Amino acid sequence: MTLTINTNIASIVAERNLTKATNSLNTSLERLSTGYKINKSGDNAAGYSIADKWDTYISSLDVATDNASTGADLLTTAEQSYGILTDHLQRIRDLTEQAANGTYGSTSLKAIQSEIYARLQEVNRVSANSEFNGIKLMMYNDSDDAKNKGVGMTNAGINLQVGLYNNNDSVINLGVELFKSGQISSLFRGGSVTVYGRDSKGDPTMVTKTLNEVLTAAGGSVAALNTQDGLRAMAAACSALKYTPATSGEGKYTLLADENDNYGASAMIGFIDNAIDELSKRVTRIGAAQNRVESAISAIDIQSQNLTSSLSTLRDTDVANESSKYIQSQILQQASATLLATANQTPSIALNLI
């Protein structure tokens, strides 16, 4: 081998290997300290792009889980509010059946009317105040309702964003039928029932009565149920009484038994049953929606878990493997440094020949 002074090939080789070992050592240090084997696009260009996308998806899935959980909370709030309304209507039905017995005088019936009227008012109050994050849960009607302006409810209901994309498969729609008005004027809209009565000869028979006929006989009407006098008349019908409004204050009550049309309390039992059935249907639909939302939460959790596992495989550092590389690079670095120092002294041998 030629002995030269100006060019030290051995030193160059040792220096190159030292640089290589140092770079490998720095890479291992970076991966061990960050926990990631992909820290920049240069580490793995395709992997970096995929990891970045999966990071976005996982973050979005976390938000989707929160969205679905919030939707479940909204449905729970609505269901519990409907439970309160059902309790009031069941108590009103008990009082109405009591009043239909025919063994009570006007004083007792007026006491029954007072409680029924108070409960009818409470039904309206609860339905008006049931809300979630500013959304009125029991105030939607068939027209454009100003009470839910500026919130997330539309004529199509409420959309829960529970997926990654902007398509139908990523949305659960809670239809407006879940949030119909719980006001008395909405729960008692009409219909008819068949009630025990007597024909023109005085013989027992079954008579079909409409809600408006029963309320009109009691001093009110279906159209008046959105007023306080209308509620008083309805409470009177449930109590076998007739209500006569006054120009100021509360009106007076007379026995429906003194009227030609005295089917009030008996007929109202059927109409109250219809209202309770309507609330039961709404709660059933809410329960079905809750099951769907809970299913979405489970599916999101599974999707997020699998994405996280895949991301870990792609990006996370294998500490055992990287530790071995770190030790190897450290040894090579030390050896290269020692050999570089030796190689740098090789040209000095030429002095012995001069």
Foldseek 3Di string as FASTA:
>chain_A
DDQDDPDQVLLVVLVVLLVVLVVLLVLLVVQVVVQWNPPDCVSPVVLVVVLVVLVVQLVVLVVLLVLLVLVLVLLVLLLVLLVLLLVLLVVLLVLLVVLVPPPDDPVVLVVSLVSNLVSLVVQQVSQQPRDDPQARQADDDPDPDPSRPPDQQDQQGHWGQNHDDDDPVRIDHDGCLLRYHRHPLVLQPKDKDWFWDADPVRHIDIDIDMPQRLLVLQPAGSVCSVDSQSSSSLSQLSSQWHADQDPDDGTDIDGVVVPPDRCRSRGVSVSSVSSSVSSVVSSVSSVVSSVVSVVSSVVSVVVSVVSVVVSCVSIGDPSVVSVVSSVVSVVSSVVSVVSSVVSSCSSVVVVVVD
